[in-house]
Amino acid sequence: MKRESNKLTAAATWGLLAAWALHDTEEVVMVPRWVRTHVPELRERFPRVPETVWRRLESVDAREFGTAVAAMAVVLAAACADGHRTGGRSAVYQTALNAFGLHGLVHLTQAAAMRGYTPGSVTTPLVVLPFPLWARGRLRRSGVLRPTRPRDLAQGLAFAAVAAVGTHTLAQGVLRRR
């Protein structure tokens, strides 16, 4: 029974990294081209967005985006390792798990606002939303899932936002130095 529990905990913790990698593969492949072809349309549809936002978005090339994704892999791997080490009890891991699922809602909102495809919207209903639900269920049955409060959802969204901004900032810095 203990071995089966360890396998399920490993699937719930390291599975987050695998689910994230699958999802971010879609983004790495699609983001650079999608941004190039859709920023003019976005400018027209959302005229109140400051021009600096559009210029910044246009300046993200495949190298910078790929570097940011690699940095995010390190962040997520650390959270998953901590989750595995603690049998899924880690607050960092559970926050990252929540963040992954919640960021899927952002993808769906983006696709709805665009009334079409946006990078990440294909793997969101297939991986991003189902995996955290499965993993949280597994952790709940194991008795290690912390009760979820509104504050935990806010922390998950903040974790996702800070990690995204931080990894993109790191990528910019690394590539500027080269």
Protein backbone atom coordinates (compact mmCIF):
# COMPACT_ATOMS: atom_id res chain seq x y z
CA MET A 1 0.00 0.00 0.00
CA LYS A 2 2.85 2.39 0.87
CA ARG A 3 4.52 1.81 -2.54
CA GLU A 4 1.23 2.55 -4.34
CA SER A 5 0.81 5.74 -2.29
CA ASN A 6 4.37 6.81 -3.20
CA LYS A 7 3.65 6.22 -6.90
CA LEU A 8 0.48 8.30 -6.74
CA THR A 9 2.24 11.07 -4.84
CA ALA A 10 5.03 11.04 -7.43
CA ALA A 11 2.42 11.22 -10.20
CA ALA A 12 0.71 14.15 -8.48
CA THR A 13 3.93 16.06 -7.78
CA TRP A 14 6.17 15.33 -10.79
CA GLY A 15 3.08 15.10 -12.98
CA LEU A 16 2.65 18.83 -12.51
CA LEU A 17 6.01 19.38 -14.20
CA ALA A 18 5.06 17.03 -17.04
CA ALA A 19 1.66 18.71 -17.54
CA TRP A 20 3.32 22.13 -17.50
CA ALA A 21 5.95 20.99 -20.04
CA LEU A 22 3.28 19.73 -22.42
CA HIS A 23 1.32 22.98 -22.10
CA ASP A 24 4.36 25.22 -22.48
CA THR A 25 5.50 23.30 -25.55
CA GLU A 26 2.35 24.60 -27.24
CA GLU A 27 3.23 28.12 -26.11
CA VAL A 28 6.88 27.94 -27.21
CA VAL A 29 5.80 26.77 -30.66
CA MET A 30 2.94 29.23 -31.09
CA VAL A 31 3.65 32.48 -29.17
CA PRO A 32 6.27 34.18 -31.39
CA ARG A 33 4.31 33.80 -34.64
CA TRP A 34 0.94 34.46 -32.99
CA VAL A 35 2.19 37.72 -31.46
CA ARG A 36 3.65 38.91 -34.79
CA THR A 37 0.42 38.27 -36.64
CA HIS A 38 -2.08 39.44 -34.00
CA VAL A 39 -0.65 42.57 -32.36
CA PRO A 40 -2.03 44.87 -35.10
CA GLU A 41 -5.52 43.42 -34.52
CA LEU A 42 -5.09 43.67 -30.74
CA ARG A 43 -4.11 47.34 -31.02
CA GLU A 44 -7.35 48.06 -32.89
CA ARG A 45 -9.58 46.00 -30.61
CA PHE A 46 -8.08 47.31 -27.37
CA PRO A 47 -7.19 50.98 -28.05
CA ARG A 48 -6.97 51.87 -24.35
CA VAL A 49 -3.98 49.59 -23.80
CA PRO A 50 -0.86 51.79 -23.67
CA GLU A 51 1.40 51.68 -26.71
CA THR A 52 4.32 50.64 -24.49
CA VAL A 53 2.53 47.34 -23.79
CA TRP A 54 2.21 46.59 -27.51
CA ARG A 55 5.84 47.52 -28.19
CA ARG A 56 7.02 45.31 -25.33
CA LEU A 57 4.89 42.42 -26.57
CA GLU A 58 6.27 42.81 -30.10
CA SER A 59 9.83 42.83 -28.78
CA VAL A 60 9.58 39.34 -27.26
CA ASP A 61 11.25 37.03 -29.75
CA ALA A 62 11.51 33.24 -29.75
CA ARG A 63 14.87 33.28 -27.91
CA GLU A 64 13.60 35.46 -25.10
CA PHE A 65 10.38 33.52 -24.76
CA GLY A 66 12.23 30.19 -24.78
CA THR A 67 14.66 31.46 -22.14
CA ALA A 68 11.76 32.59 -19.94
CA VAL A 69 10.12 29.17 -20.34
CA ALA A 70 13.38 27.46 -19.34
CA ALA A 71 13.59 29.65 -16.24
CA MET A 72 9.98 28.79 -15.41
CA ALA A 73 10.90 25.11 -15.72
CA VAL A 74 13.44 25.62 -12.94
CA VAL A 75 10.83 27.33 -10.73
CA LEU A 76 8.30 24.57 -11.32
CA ALA A 77 10.84 21.77 -10.91
CA ALA A 78 11.82 23.21 -7.52
CA ALA A 79 8.17 23.36 -6.43
CA CYS A 80 7.56 19.80 -7.65
CA ALA A 81 10.70 18.51 -5.93
CA ASP A 82 9.54 20.10 -2.68
CA GLY A 83 6.11 18.57 -3.18
CA HIS A 84 7.61 15.15 -3.76
CA ARG A 85 9.97 15.49 -0.79
CA THR A 86 7.04 16.31 1.50
CA GLY A 87 4.62 13.74 0.10
CA GLY A 88 2.53 16.52 -1.45
CA ARG A 89 2.26 18.55 1.78
CA SER A 90 4.50 21.41 0.64
CA ALA A 91 2.75 24.77 0.63
CA VAL A 92 4.97 25.86 -2.27
CA TYR A 93 3.97 22.82 -4.33
CA GLN A 94 0.26 23.20 -3.54
CA THR A 95 0.43 26.90 -4.42
CA ALA A 96 2.16 26.06 -7.73
CA LEU A 97 -0.49 23.42 -8.42
CA ASN A 98 -3.23 25.98 -7.80
CA ALA A 99 -1.37 28.54 -9.92
CA PHE A 100 -1.14 26.12 -12.84
CA GLY A 101 -4.87 25.46 -12.81
CA LEU A 102 -5.84 29.09 -12.29
CA HIS A 103 -3.59 30.28 -15.10
CA GLY A 104 -5.67 28.01 -17.34
CA LEU A 105 -8.65 30.23 -16.63
CA VAL A 106 -6.57 33.17 -17.88
CA HIS A 107 -5.94 31.27 -21.13
CA LEU A 108 -9.66 30.59 -21.58
CA THR A 109 -10.45 34.26 -20.88
CA GLN A 110 -7.88 35.34 -23.47
CA ALA A 111 -9.33 32.97 -26.07
CA ALA A 112 -12.86 34.23 -25.32
CA ALA A 113 -11.73 37.86 -25.60
CA MET A 114 -10.07 37.09 -28.94
CA ARG A 115 -13.01 34.95 -30.05
CA GLY A 116 -10.54 32.35 -31.25
CA TYR A 117 -7.25 30.61 -30.69
CA THR A 118 -4.62 32.05 -28.37
CA PRO A 119 -1.38 30.25 -27.47
CA GLY A 120 -2.06 27.78 -24.69
CA SER A 121 -5.78 27.51 -25.31
CA VAL A 122 -5.60 24.03 -26.87
CA THR A 123 -3.81 22.32 -23.98
CA THR A 124 -5.76 24.22 -21.32
CA PRO A 125 -8.95 22.11 -21.42
CA LEU A 126 -6.95 18.94 -22.13
CA VAL A 127 -4.18 19.28 -19.52
CA VAL A 128 -4.06 22.55 -17.58
CA LEU A 129 -7.52 22.30 -16.02
CA PRO A 130 -7.85 18.51 -15.58
CA PHE A 131 -4.41 17.83 -14.07
CA PRO A 132 -4.75 20.05 -10.97
CA LEU A 133 -8.24 18.69 -10.35
CA TRP A 134 -6.91 15.12 -10.48
CA ALA A 135 -3.82 15.92 -8.36
CA ARG A 136 -5.85 17.84 -5.77
CA GLY A 137 -8.24 14.89 -5.54
CA ARG A 138 -5.30 12.54 -5.04
CA LEU A 139 -3.83 14.78 -2.34
CA ARG A 140 -7.23 15.14 -0.68
CA ARG A 141 -7.71 11.35 -0.53
CA SER A 142 -4.20 11.04 0.93
CA GLY A 143 -5.11 13.56 3.62
CA VAL A 144 -2.39 16.07 2.70
CA LEU A 145 -4.32 18.73 0.77
CA ARG A 146 -4.70 21.94 2.72
CA PRO A 147 -8.22 23.36 2.77
CA THR A 148 -8.56 25.90 -0.03
CA ARG A 149 -9.53 29.40 1.03
CA PRO A 150 -10.02 32.46 -1.16
CA ARG A 151 -6.60 33.61 0.05
CA ASP A 152 -5.05 30.45 -1.45
CA LEU A 153 -6.56 31.27 -4.83
CA ALA A 154 -5.15 34.80 -4.64
CA GLN A 155 -1.75 33.35 -3.70
CA GLY A 156 -1.92 30.98 -6.67
CA LEU A 157 -2.66 33.81 -9.09
CA ALA A 158 0.07 35.94 -7.50
CA PHE A 159 2.54 33.04 -7.75
CA ALA A 160 1.75 32.63 -11.46
CA ALA A 161 2.05 36.37 -12.13
CA VAL A 162 5.27 36.86 -10.16
CA ALA A 163 6.86 33.76 -11.70
CA ALA A 164 5.90 34.89 -15.23
CA VAL A 165 7.17 38.44 -14.76
CA GLY A 166 10.29 37.24 -12.96
CA THR A 167 11.24 34.67 -15.59
CA HIS A 168 10.67 37.12 -18.45
CA THR A 169 12.73 39.77 -16.65
CA LEU A 170 15.49 37.21 -16.09
CA ALA A 171 15.36 36.19 -19.76
CA GLN A 172 15.69 39.82 -20.88
CA GLY A 173 18.66 40.33 -18.60
CA VAL A 174 20.42 37.15 -19.67
CA LEU A 175 19.98 37.89 -23.37
CA ARG A 176 21.03 41.54 -23.05
CA ARG A 177 24.32 40.51 -21.45
CA ARG A 178 25.15 38.30 -24.42
